[in-house]
Each structure stands twice: as C-alpha cells, then as structure tokens.
C-alpha cells in the first residue's frame, strides 16, 4: 500500500500523456466510442528528438491535460509490430512524426520534428480545427474547393513537413491572390514564410509597401524578413569569392 501510494503521488507530481497500448483496430474502436481523434506518436528507439519529446514535452502539465482530454493517444515504434505498416500508410518519413487520425482511419492532420510545449499544443489545436487540419485542407485542395486563406495554411503546413508538394501549392496560391490580399495579414504570413530572394514577387510586395507592413507586423518582424535574402546573397558572394 505504501509503494502504491508513493507511485500515485509521483504520478500526480509528474503528469504525462496517457498512451493506449492496443492493436490499431481496437484503437479505432476506442476513438469511435469516445468520439475523439487518435494521436499517434511515431518514433524509433534510436531517435534522439523522440526521446527529448518524451522527457521534456509529453510530461508538461498543459500538454498532458490537453492531449488526454482531446485524443486517444498511442505510441508506435515505426520499426516494430504495426509500426512499419502504419508508417507506409500515412507517409511517415522522419521521426518523430505526429499523426492525428479519425476513427475511420483517415488522416486529419500531420506534423513532425522536435518542438516546445506551446507549439505542440498548437498542432493539436490545428488538428481539431477544420480550417487548419492538414488532411482536411489537402482534400479541399484536391477537390478545388479551397479558399486562399485555407491554401495559405495548407502550404505553410507542407513547408513544416518539408513536403515537395509545397512548391506546387505555393505557385498556385500566388497565381490566385491579388495585390489587396498580399497586403493583408494572410499576405504578410506568406511573405514571412516564403520570402527568400530579393528578385522575387514577394520581395517586391514587401519593398513597395514597407511602411504598411511595419505598421501591420512591427519593425523587428519586417527586419527579420529582410535578413533572409540578404544572408542568401552574402552566402552566394562568399561561395563565389566575390569580395565586392
């Protein structure tokens, strides 16, 4: 009883995401029963960022509370048991990858890499928001029923996943938006995420409306964006040994 009591106290002091250990078919049934999405932490035994998430993020009180309340949670070793099959089914190519799946087995949202508690909770919120969930945005894109703002969220998510489809979606978005939209909050988010070169259309938009964007996003944020093409030019000049 004493040992059990101590274990309970330790559990109270150290909250964590409660991971269900069950075959995937049973997990789907449990998600349907609880009317929740499934969160899958896709990891490997040798993945250092995976271990970092276990040690520092999954045990954060706010993280544990949000994920336990919102999802049926599962950990899957991608090299054992059902892991390889699940990885192939949902296109898991790096670790850690986080899958958010509905009870029908359909991908709702996807994210990857090491991240802090706030960002990790935000990914969960994205999964629960039809306007930001990657799987839903992908279907709307393929169906041709996606808005410009939804396409913006989609292409930013693809960027974070390093998905090669990003270039296609970005090109299509740029072909759809007008000057007014590019000066909006959505336009600024696009500039902030995808401005890399000073001969690009996005740079021209920023440079022609500098005061507007400083007022919209702040001087420091605008300076940070200007640094990206500057650094790229410096690296290029260095590589070419161009002293001027």
Protein backbone atom coordinates (compact mmCIF):
# COMPACT_ATOMS: atom_id res chain seq x y z
CA UNK A 1 0.00 0.00 0.00
CA UNK A 2 2.87 2.33 0.87
CA UNK A 3 4.55 1.71 -2.51
CA UNK A 4 1.25 2.15 -4.37
CA UNK A 5 0.61 5.41 -2.50
CA UNK A 6 4.08 6.68 -3.43
CA UNK A 7 3.50 5.76 -7.06
CA UNK A 8 0.24 7.72 -7.04
CA UNK A 9 1.97 10.74 -5.54
CA UNK A 10 4.74 10.54 -8.14
CA UNK A 11 2.11 10.34 -10.86
CA UNK A 12 0.46 13.48 -9.51
CA UNK A 13 3.78 15.31 -9.49
CA UNK A 14 4.72 14.13 -12.99
CA UNK A 15 1.75 14.29 -15.38
CA UNK A 16 2.16 12.72 -18.79
CA UNK A 17 0.22 11.84 -21.91
CA UNK A 18 -1.62 8.56 -21.31
CA UNK A 19 -0.78 6.25 -24.22
CA UNK A 20 -3.09 3.35 -25.01
CA UNK A 21 -1.40 0.04 -25.75
CA UNK A 22 -3.67 -1.90 -28.11
CA UNK A 23 -3.88 -3.14 -31.72
CA UNK A 24 -4.72 -0.36 -34.19
CA UNK A 25 -8.17 -1.82 -34.90
CA UNK A 26 -9.01 -1.57 -31.20
CA UNK A 27 -7.68 1.99 -31.08
CA UNK A 28 -10.06 2.94 -33.91
CA UNK A 29 -12.97 1.41 -31.99
CA UNK A 30 -11.98 3.26 -28.83
CA UNK A 31 -11.80 6.56 -30.74
CA UNK A 32 -15.28 5.97 -32.16
CA UNK A 33 -16.61 5.10 -28.71
CA UNK A 34 -15.15 8.27 -27.14
CA UNK A 35 -15.87 10.42 -30.23
CA UNK A 36 -12.26 11.58 -30.34
CA UNK A 37 -9.42 11.81 -32.82
CA UNK A 38 -6.43 9.50 -32.44
CA UNK A 39 -2.99 10.97 -31.78
CA UNK A 40 -0.08 8.72 -32.78
CA UNK A 41 3.47 9.49 -31.73
CA UNK A 42 5.60 7.82 -34.42
CA UNK A 43 9.06 7.15 -33.01
CA UNK A 44 12.08 4.85 -33.20
CA UNK A 45 14.34 3.55 -30.46
CA UNK A 46 17.36 5.47 -31.85
CA UNK A 47 15.60 8.83 -32.41
CA UNK A 48 17.11 11.45 -30.07
CA UNK A 49 14.39 14.11 -30.69
CA UNK A 50 11.78 11.45 -29.87
CA UNK A 51 13.42 10.84 -26.50
CA UNK A 52 13.62 14.60 -25.92
CA UNK A 53 9.86 14.94 -26.51
CA UNK A 54 9.23 12.08 -24.05
CA UNK A 55 11.39 13.67 -21.39
CA UNK A 56 10.51 17.35 -21.70
CA UNK A 57 7.22 17.86 -23.57
CA UNK A 58 4.87 14.91 -23.06
CA UNK A 59 5.26 15.43 -19.30
CA UNK A 60 4.31 19.12 -19.36
CA UNK A 61 1.11 19.58 -17.35
CA UNK A 62 -0.71 21.62 -20.02
CA UNK A 63 0.36 19.21 -22.78
CA UNK A 64 -0.72 16.11 -20.88
CA UNK A 65 -4.03 17.69 -19.90
CA UNK A 66 -4.89 18.84 -23.44
CA UNK A 67 -3.92 15.60 -25.20
CA UNK A 68 -5.57 13.34 -22.62
CA UNK A 69 -8.78 15.35 -22.85
CA UNK A 70 -8.82 15.65 -26.65
CA UNK A 71 -7.41 12.41 -28.09
CA UNK A 72 -7.00 8.69 -27.80
CA UNK A 73 -3.19 8.64 -27.59
CA UNK A 74 -0.90 5.94 -28.99
CA UNK A 75 2.88 5.48 -29.24
CA UNK A 76 4.16 3.39 -32.15
CA UNK A 77 7.70 2.21 -32.77
CA UNK A 78 7.99 2.56 -36.54
CA UNK A 79 10.36 -0.39 -36.78
CA UNK A 80 8.29 -2.93 -34.82
CA UNK A 81 4.84 -4.53 -34.85
CA UNK A 82 2.27 -2.46 -36.73
CA UNK A 83 4.67 0.48 -36.97
CA UNK A 84 6.08 -0.11 -40.49
CA UNK A 85 2.60 -0.68 -41.95
CA UNK A 86 1.20 2.46 -40.27
CA UNK A 87 4.24 4.45 -41.40
CA UNK A 88 3.77 3.39 -45.00
CA UNK A 89 0.04 4.02 -44.90
CA UNK A 90 0.39 7.62 -43.68
CA UNK A 91 3.68 8.54 -45.34
CA UNK A 92 5.86 8.74 -42.24
CA UNK A 93 9.38 9.56 -43.44
CA UNK A 94 11.05 11.21 -40.45
CA UNK A 95 10.96 10.95 -36.67
CA UNK A 96 9.25 12.00 -34.61
CA UNK A 97 6.13 12.34 -36.76
CA UNK A 98 2.76 13.09 -35.18
CA UNK A 99 -0.39 11.72 -36.81
CA UNK A 100 -3.91 12.85 -35.98
CA UNK A 101 -6.43 10.36 -37.35
CA UNK A 102 -10.18 9.97 -37.12
CA UNK A 103 -11.98 6.78 -36.08
CA UNK A 104 -12.35 5.79 -39.75
CA UNK A 105 -8.59 5.71 -40.11
CA UNK A 106 -8.49 8.88 -42.22
CA UNK A 107 -5.59 11.29 -41.80
CA UNK A 108 -6.83 14.58 -40.34
CA UNK A 109 -3.54 16.30 -39.51
CA UNK A 110 0.18 15.63 -39.55
CA UNK A 111 3.25 17.29 -38.05
CA UNK A 112 6.83 16.37 -37.27
CA UNK A 113 10.11 17.22 -35.52
CA UNK A 114 11.03 18.27 -32.01
CA UNK A 115 9.01 21.22 -30.68
CA UNK A 116 8.21 23.01 -27.46
CA UNK A 117 5.05 22.56 -25.39
CA UNK A 118 3.21 25.59 -26.81
CA UNK A 119 3.87 24.62 -30.42
CA UNK A 120 2.92 21.01 -29.68
CA UNK A 121 -0.42 22.09 -28.22
CA UNK A 122 -0.95 24.38 -31.22
CA UNK A 123 -0.52 21.40 -33.56
CA UNK A 124 -3.22 19.59 -31.60
CA UNK A 125 -5.49 22.62 -31.92
CA UNK A 126 -4.81 22.68 -35.67
CA UNK A 127 -5.89 19.05 -35.86
CA UNK A 128 -9.16 19.93 -34.17
CA UNK A 129 -9.76 22.97 -36.44
CA UNK A 130 -11.16 22.12 -39.91
CA UNK A 131 -9.66 25.39 -41.22
CA UNK A 132 -6.13 24.26 -40.34
CA UNK A 133 -6.10 20.45 -40.24
CA UNK A 134 -3.74 19.24 -42.96
CA UNK A 135 -5.76 16.24 -44.09
CA UNK A 136 -8.93 18.30 -44.48
CA UNK A 137 -7.08 21.10 -46.30
CA UNK A 138 -5.48 18.56 -48.62
CA UNK A 139 -8.88 17.15 -49.58
CA UNK A 140 -10.30 20.64 -50.16
CA UNK A 141 -7.28 21.47 -52.32
CA UNK A 142 -7.66 18.32 -54.41
CA UNK A 143 -11.41 18.97 -54.76
CA UNK A 144 -10.76 22.57 -55.90
CA UNK A 145 -12.90 23.90 -53.05
CA UNK A 146 -10.17 25.65 -51.05
CA UNK A 147 -10.06 29.38 -50.25
CA UNK A 148 -6.92 31.50 -50.44
CA UNK A 149 -6.57 31.63 -46.65
CA UNK A 150 -7.05 27.87 -46.39
CA UNK A 151 -4.45 27.34 -49.12
CA UNK A 152 -2.08 29.55 -47.14
CA UNK A 153 -2.49 27.33 -44.07
CA UNK A 154 -2.01 24.27 -46.28
CA UNK A 155 1.23 25.46 -47.87
CA UNK A 156 2.69 26.56 -44.51
CA UNK A 157 1.92 23.09 -43.10
CA UNK A 158 3.60 21.49 -46.13
CA UNK A 159 6.63 23.69 -45.54
CA UNK A 160 6.93 22.49 -41.94
CA UNK A 161 6.72 18.89 -43.17
CA UNK A 162 9.31 19.58 -45.92
CA UNK A 163 6.80 18.13 -48.36
CA UNK A 164 7.84 18.55 -52.03
CA UNK A 165 4.23 19.35 -52.91
CA UNK A 166 4.81 22.75 -51.27
CA UNK A 167 6.20 24.31 -54.47
CA UNK A 168 3.14 23.33 -56.48
CA UNK A 169 0.70 24.72 -53.91
CA UNK A 170 2.70 27.93 -53.42
CA UNK A 171 2.79 28.57 -57.16
CA UNK A 172 -0.96 28.03 -57.42
CA UNK A 173 -1.66 30.33 -54.46
CA UNK A 174 0.50 33.10 -55.97
CA UNK A 175 -1.46 32.80 -59.22
CA UNK A 176 -4.76 33.32 -57.36
CA UNK A 177 -4.10 36.20 -54.98
CA UNK A 178 -4.32 39.91 -55.81
CA UNK A 179 -2.41 42.95 -54.50
CA UNK A 180 -5.01 43.67 -51.83
CA UNK A 181 -4.75 40.15 -50.41
CA UNK A 182 -0.95 40.30 -50.44
CA UNK A 183 -1.14 43.38 -48.20
CA UNK A 184 -3.46 41.61 -45.74
CA UNK A 185 -2.47 39.59 -42.66
CA UNK A 186 -2.54 36.49 -44.87
CA UNK A 187 -0.19 38.14 -47.33
CA UNK A 188 2.21 39.01 -44.53
CA UNK A 189 2.18 35.39 -43.32
CA UNK A 190 3.03 34.30 -46.86
CA UNK A 191 5.90 36.82 -47.04
CA UNK A 192 7.17 35.83 -43.60
CA UNK A 193 7.29 32.15 -44.54
CA UNK A 194 8.35 32.18 -48.19
CA UNK A 195 10.41 35.28 -48.96
CA UNK A 196 13.98 34.13 -49.60
CA UNK A 197 15.24 36.13 -52.60
CA UNK A 198 15.34 39.84 -53.41
CA UNK A 199 14.28 39.29 -57.04
CA UNK A 200 11.05 37.52 -56.09
CA UNK A 201 7.49 38.84 -56.36
CA UNK A 202 7.07 38.64 -52.59
CA UNK A 203 10.14 40.84 -52.06
CA UNK A 204 8.72 43.44 -54.43
CA UNK A 205 5.45 43.44 -52.49
CA UNK A 206 7.31 43.90 -49.21
CA UNK A 207 9.71 46.53 -50.51
CA UNK A 208 6.95 48.56 -52.15
CA UNK A 209 4.82 48.55 -49.01
CA UNK A 210 7.46 48.64 -46.27
CA UNK A 211 5.70 51.21 -44.06
CA UNK A 212 2.42 49.31 -44.34
CA UNK A 213 3.98 46.02 -43.19
CA UNK A 214 5.91 47.71 -40.38
CA UNK A 215 2.60 49.06 -39.14
CA UNK A 216 0.98 45.64 -39.58
CA UNK A 217 3.68 43.38 -38.11
CA UNK A 218 6.23 45.61 -36.39
CA UNK A 219 9.70 46.81 -37.34
CA UNK A 220 11.56 43.83 -35.85
CA UNK A 221 9.46 41.32 -37.79
CA UNK A 222 10.00 43.17 -41.06
CA UNK A 223 13.75 43.43 -40.43
CA UNK A 224 13.88 39.70 -39.79
CA UNK A 225 12.32 39.00 -43.19
CA UNK A 226 14.75 41.36 -44.94
CA UNK A 227 17.64 39.45 -43.38
CA UNK A 228 16.80 36.24 -45.28
CA UNK A 229 17.57 37.44 -48.85
CA UNK A 230 20.49 39.49 -47.52
CA UNK A 231 22.07 36.42 -45.91
CA UNK A 232 21.42 34.35 -49.03
CA UNK A 233 23.28 36.95 -51.12
CA UNK A 234 26.14 37.03 -48.62
CA UNK A 235 26.49 33.24 -48.70
CA UNK A 236 26.45 33.28 -52.50
CA UNK A 237 29.10 36.03 -52.66
CA UNK A 238 31.26 34.15 -50.17
CA UNK A 239 30.99 30.93 -52.15
CA UNK A 240 31.92 32.75 -55.35
CA UNK A 241 34.73 34.63 -53.51
CA UNK A 242 33.15 37.89 -54.62
CA UNK A 243 34.81 40.41 -52.27
CA UNK A 244 32.80 43.38 -53.55
